[in-house]
Amino acid sequence: MSRISVRGFAVASATAVTAVGSVVGVASGSTAQTNDAEATAADTTLLADIPAGQQVQVQAASLTQQADAQAIAADVSAKKDAEEAARKAAAETAIAKKEAAEKEAAKAAKERAETKAAASRGTDVRDSSSFPVQTNYSVAQIQAMARQMVGGGQFQCFSNIVDHESSWNYHAVNASSGAYGLFQALPGGKMASAGADWQTNPATQIKWGLNYMNSRYGSPCEAWSFWQANHWY
C-alpha cells in the first residue's frame, strides 16, 4: 500500500494518534517527547508508520465518513430535485388551468355574442312565401313586407341599404353593370337561391338580401356599417 498521510484521509482518530504517540514516547523515553509527537502526529505521521491494525481502523473510519458525506449530499440533491420537479409541475398545472379558463371564457363570450347578434338581427318573422303574389307592388307594400321579415332592431339599417341601392324599386337595373333588384345583386340571377320568382317578387328579393347580409356581415346593421365606410357591400 502506498504511503498516504492521515490528513489525506481526513481522520484524526484518537486511537490512531494515541497509538502513534505511544510508539514515539517509548522510543524516546520522554513524556514531553511523547506529547510533542502527539501534537504533530496529525500533520506528519504517515499511514505506513501506523501498525497494520490501526491502518485498517483509520481507513475504515475514513471510508465511512466519505460514504456518510456522499449519502448526505445525495439526499440533499434528491430533495432539491424533488422540490424543483414539484415547483415545475405546479407551474405547468397553473398554466394549463389558466389556458383552460381563458378558452372557456372565450367560448362563453363567443356564444353570448352570437346569441346577442341573432337576437339583434332577428329571424324571419314571416317567410317570403307567406305573402300573396301580386302583379305589381308599391314601395309601401314592399317596405311592409320587409318590416315583417326583418327583425325590428335591424330594419332601419336594412332600409338604409335598400334606399341607397334601389330606392325600393324591385325592378331597378344598373345600366352599366346589369345589377338588379332591391339590393342590386350582381348578377341578379344569384337571387334565384331564394326563389325562382326573384325577378318579379320583392318578398323573394327581401329574403335573399336578408340572408346575404346575415351570412356575409352578421346582420343588416353590420352590413350598413360596411356600406357607410365603402359605399358598397
Protein backbone atom coordinates (compact mmCIF):
# COMPACT_ATOMS: atom_id res chain seq x y z
CA MET A 1 0.00 0.00 0.00
CA SER A 2 1.31 3.48 -0.84
CA ARG A 3 2.32 5.90 1.86
CA ILE A 4 -0.71 8.11 2.46
CA SER A 5 -0.86 10.75 5.18
CA VAL A 6 -3.52 10.57 7.85
CA ARG A 7 -4.62 14.11 6.83
CA GLY A 8 -5.35 12.78 3.31
CA PHE A 9 -7.98 10.52 4.84
CA ALA A 10 -9.40 13.38 6.93
CA VAL A 11 -9.04 11.25 10.06
CA ALA A 12 -7.55 12.30 13.33
CA SER A 13 -8.71 9.30 15.25
CA ALA A 14 -7.88 9.47 18.90
CA THR A 15 -6.97 5.84 18.78
CA ALA A 16 -4.56 6.38 15.89
CA VAL A 17 -2.96 9.43 17.48
CA THR A 18 -2.58 7.70 20.84
CA ALA A 19 -1.03 4.70 19.16
CA VAL A 20 1.48 6.82 17.29
CA GLY A 21 2.23 8.85 20.43
CA SER A 22 2.87 5.72 22.40
CA VAL A 23 5.29 4.40 19.82
CA VAL A 24 7.25 7.64 19.71
CA GLY A 25 7.18 8.05 23.51
CA VAL A 26 8.55 4.62 24.14
CA ALA A 27 11.31 5.15 21.64
CA SER A 28 12.45 8.41 23.25
CA GLY A 29 11.71 7.55 26.86
CA SER A 30 10.36 11.07 27.43
CA THR A 31 6.82 12.18 28.34
CA ALA A 32 7.42 15.58 26.79
CA GLN A 33 8.60 13.99 23.61
CA THR A 34 5.51 11.82 23.64
CA ASN A 35 3.31 14.92 23.91
CA ASP A 36 5.24 16.63 21.11
CA ALA A 37 4.77 13.60 18.92
CA GLU A 38 1.04 13.59 19.66
CA ALA A 39 0.81 17.28 18.71
CA THR A 40 2.48 16.74 15.34
CA ALA A 41 1.15 13.27 14.53
CA ALA A 42 -1.93 14.55 12.62
CA ASP A 43 0.26 16.57 10.26
CA THR A 44 3.36 14.45 9.81
CA THR A 45 2.56 10.81 10.59
CA LEU A 46 2.35 8.60 7.57
CA LEU A 47 -0.19 5.83 7.31
CA ALA A 48 2.58 3.36 6.65
CA ASP A 49 4.12 4.24 10.04
CA ILE A 50 0.98 3.14 11.87
CA PRO A 51 0.61 -0.53 12.82
CA ALA A 52 -1.41 -2.60 10.36
CA GLY A 53 -4.39 -2.90 12.71
CA GLN A 54 -4.57 0.86 13.13
CA GLN A 55 -4.28 1.36 9.37
CA VAL A 56 -7.44 -0.70 8.87
CA GLN A 57 -9.28 1.31 11.50
CA VAL A 58 -8.14 4.62 10.03
CA GLN A 59 -9.05 3.57 6.51
CA ALA A 60 -12.42 2.19 7.62
CA ALA A 61 -13.24 5.38 9.53
CA SER A 62 -12.26 7.49 6.51
CA LEU A 63 -14.33 5.42 4.12
CA THR A 64 -17.29 5.53 6.50
CA GLN A 65 -17.07 9.32 6.73
CA GLN A 66 -16.81 9.59 2.96
CA ALA A 67 -19.80 7.33 2.47
CA ASP A 68 -21.81 9.31 5.04
CA ALA A 69 -20.89 12.58 3.33
CA GLN A 70 -21.82 11.21 -0.07
CA ALA A 71 -25.13 9.89 1.28
CA ILE A 72 -25.95 13.27 2.81
CA ALA A 73 -25.04 15.04 -0.43
CA ALA A 74 -27.19 12.60 -2.40
CA ASP A 75 -30.12 13.17 -0.06
CA VAL A 76 -29.79 16.95 -0.39
CA SER A 77 -29.55 16.70 -4.18
CA ALA A 78 -32.55 14.37 -4.37
CA LYS A 79 -34.59 16.66 -2.14
CA LYS A 80 -33.62 19.66 -4.26
CA ASP A 81 -34.55 17.82 -7.46
CA ALA A 82 -37.88 16.75 -5.97
CA GLU A 83 -38.70 20.29 -4.88
CA GLU A 84 -37.78 21.63 -8.31
CA ALA A 85 -39.92 18.98 -10.03
CA ALA A 86 -42.83 19.83 -7.72
CA ARG A 87 -42.49 23.54 -8.49
CA LYS A 88 -42.33 22.83 -12.22
CA ALA A 89 -45.38 20.56 -12.07
CA ALA A 90 -47.32 23.15 -10.08
CA ALA A 91 -46.39 25.86 -12.57
CA GLU A 92 -47.43 23.69 -15.53
CA THR A 93 -50.71 22.85 -13.83
CA ALA A 94 -51.39 26.52 -13.13
CA ILE A 95 -50.65 27.43 -16.75
CA ALA A 96 -52.90 24.64 -18.03
CA LYS A 97 -55.74 25.75 -15.73
CA LYS A 98 -55.31 29.36 -16.84
CA GLU A 99 -55.39 28.41 -20.53
CA ALA A 100 -58.46 26.22 -19.98
CA ALA A 101 -60.20 29.05 -18.13
CA GLU A 102 -59.33 31.51 -20.90
CA LYS A 103 -60.64 29.14 -23.56
CA GLU A 104 -63.82 28.58 -21.62
CA ALA A 105 -64.27 32.33 -21.14
CA ALA A 106 -63.65 32.96 -24.85
CA LYS A 107 -66.14 30.25 -25.77
CA ALA A 108 -68.76 31.69 -23.43
CA ALA A 109 -68.14 35.20 -24.79
CA LYS A 110 -68.49 33.94 -28.36
CA GLU A 111 -71.74 32.18 -27.53
CA ARG A 112 -73.09 35.31 -25.84
CA ALA A 113 -72.08 37.42 -28.84
CA GLU A 114 -73.72 35.01 -31.27
CA THR A 115 -76.88 34.92 -29.18
CA LYS A 116 -76.91 38.71 -28.97
CA ALA A 117 -76.31 39.06 -32.70
CA ALA A 118 -79.05 36.59 -33.50
CA ALA A 119 -81.45 38.44 -31.25
CA SER A 120 -80.35 41.76 -32.68
CA ARG A 121 -80.74 40.88 -36.32
CA GLY A 122 -83.78 38.74 -35.67
CA THR A 123 -85.01 35.83 -37.71
CA ASP A 124 -87.64 35.91 -40.40
CA VAL A 125 -90.81 36.90 -38.61
CA ARG A 126 -92.65 35.93 -41.71
CA ASP A 127 -91.43 33.86 -44.64
CA SER A 128 -91.45 35.30 -48.13
CA SER A 129 -93.78 32.56 -49.35
CA SER A 130 -96.49 33.71 -46.92
CA PHE A 131 -97.18 36.89 -48.89
CA PRO A 132 -99.73 36.74 -51.68
CA VAL A 133 -98.27 37.12 -55.16
CA GLN A 134 -99.27 40.30 -56.99
CA THR A 135 -98.67 41.73 -60.42
CA ASN A 136 -97.28 44.97 -59.01
CA TYR A 137 -96.14 46.18 -55.58
CA SER A 138 -95.96 49.70 -54.22
CA VAL A 139 -92.99 50.95 -52.18
CA ALA A 140 -95.20 50.96 -49.08
CA GLN A 141 -96.18 47.34 -49.65
CA ILE A 142 -92.57 46.28 -50.15
CA GLN A 143 -91.47 48.10 -47.02
CA ALA A 144 -94.31 46.46 -45.07
CA MET A 145 -93.07 43.06 -46.23
CA ALA A 146 -89.55 43.93 -45.15
CA ARG A 147 -90.69 45.01 -41.69
CA GLN A 148 -92.37 41.66 -41.19
CA MET A 149 -89.34 39.70 -42.43
CA VAL A 150 -86.52 41.68 -40.79
CA GLY A 151 -86.09 41.93 -37.03
CA GLY A 152 -87.24 45.28 -35.65
CA GLY A 153 -83.81 46.21 -34.34
CA GLN A 154 -82.30 45.72 -37.78
CA PHE A 155 -84.94 47.13 -40.07
CA GLN A 156 -83.62 50.68 -40.22
CA CYS A 157 -80.16 49.52 -41.26
CA PHE A 158 -81.74 47.18 -43.80
CA SER A 159 -83.87 50.04 -45.11
CA ASN A 160 -80.87 52.37 -45.40
CA ILE A 161 -79.11 49.94 -47.72
CA VAL A 162 -82.18 49.43 -49.91
CA ASP A 163 -82.70 53.21 -50.07
CA HIS A 164 -79.19 53.71 -51.41
CA GLU A 165 -79.16 50.70 -53.72
CA SER A 166 -82.56 50.89 -55.43
CA SER A 167 -84.89 53.33 -53.63
CA TRP A 168 -87.11 50.26 -53.03
CA ASN A 169 -87.57 49.60 -56.74
CA TYR A 170 -87.60 45.84 -57.11
CA HIS A 171 -87.24 46.17 -60.90
CA ALA A 172 -84.23 48.51 -60.71
CA VAL A 173 -81.47 47.71 -63.21
CA ASN A 174 -77.99 49.23 -63.29
CA ALA A 175 -77.43 50.25 -66.90
CA SER A 176 -73.67 49.74 -66.80
CA SER A 177 -73.30 46.58 -64.71
CA GLY A 178 -76.67 44.88 -65.02
CA ALA A 179 -77.11 44.66 -61.22
CA TYR A 180 -80.74 44.00 -60.45
CA GLY A 181 -83.47 44.48 -57.86
CA LEU A 182 -83.81 45.96 -54.41
CA PHE A 183 -80.23 45.05 -53.45
CA GLN A 184 -78.63 45.44 -56.88
CA ALA A 185 -77.47 41.85 -56.89
CA LEU A 186 -74.78 41.18 -59.48
CA PRO A 187 -75.62 39.14 -61.33
CA GLY A 188 -79.29 39.32 -60.50
CA GLY A 189 -79.61 35.58 -61.04
CA LYS A 190 -77.93 34.99 -57.66
CA MET A 191 -81.27 35.73 -56.05
CA ALA A 192 -82.67 32.52 -57.56
CA SER A 193 -81.30 30.80 -54.44
CA ALA A 194 -84.19 32.43 -52.56
CA GLY A 195 -86.86 31.62 -55.15
CA ALA A 196 -87.49 31.18 -58.84
CA ASP A 197 -89.64 34.34 -58.94
CA TRP A 198 -86.75 36.62 -57.89
CA GLN A 199 -87.32 38.96 -60.85
CA THR A 200 -90.95 39.76 -60.03
CA ASN A 201 -91.46 39.09 -56.32
CA PRO A 202 -89.99 41.65 -53.87
CA ALA A 203 -90.56 39.23 -50.97
CA THR A 204 -88.16 36.78 -52.61
CA GLN A 205 -85.62 39.58 -53.08
CA ILE A 206 -86.01 40.64 -49.44
CA LYS A 207 -85.40 37.07 -48.30
CA TRP A 208 -82.25 36.87 -50.41
CA GLY A 209 -80.96 40.27 -49.28
CA LEU A 210 -81.51 39.50 -45.58
CA ASN A 211 -79.75 36.14 -45.88
CA TYR A 212 -76.86 37.81 -47.73
CA MET A 213 -76.37 40.48 -45.06
CA ASN A 214 -76.58 37.98 -42.21
CA SER A 215 -74.21 35.46 -43.76
CA ARG A 216 -71.63 37.95 -45.06
CA TYR A 217 -71.62 40.59 -42.32
CA GLY A 218 -73.51 39.10 -39.39
CA SER A 219 -76.50 41.42 -39.54
CA PRO A 220 -78.05 44.22 -41.62
CA CYS A 221 -76.56 46.82 -39.25
CA GLU A 222 -73.08 45.36 -39.73
CA ALA A 223 -73.67 45.42 -43.47
CA TRP A 224 -74.79 49.06 -43.22
CA SER A 225 -71.64 49.98 -41.27
CA PHE A 226 -69.56 48.44 -44.04
CA TRP A 227 -71.61 50.25 -46.68
CA GLN A 228 -71.05 53.59 -44.97
CA ALA A 229 -67.29 53.03 -44.97
CA ASN A 230 -67.04 51.70 -48.52
CA HIS A 231 -70.25 52.75 -50.33
CA TRP A 232 -70.82 49.16 -51.38
CA TYR A 233 -71.48 45.95 -49.51
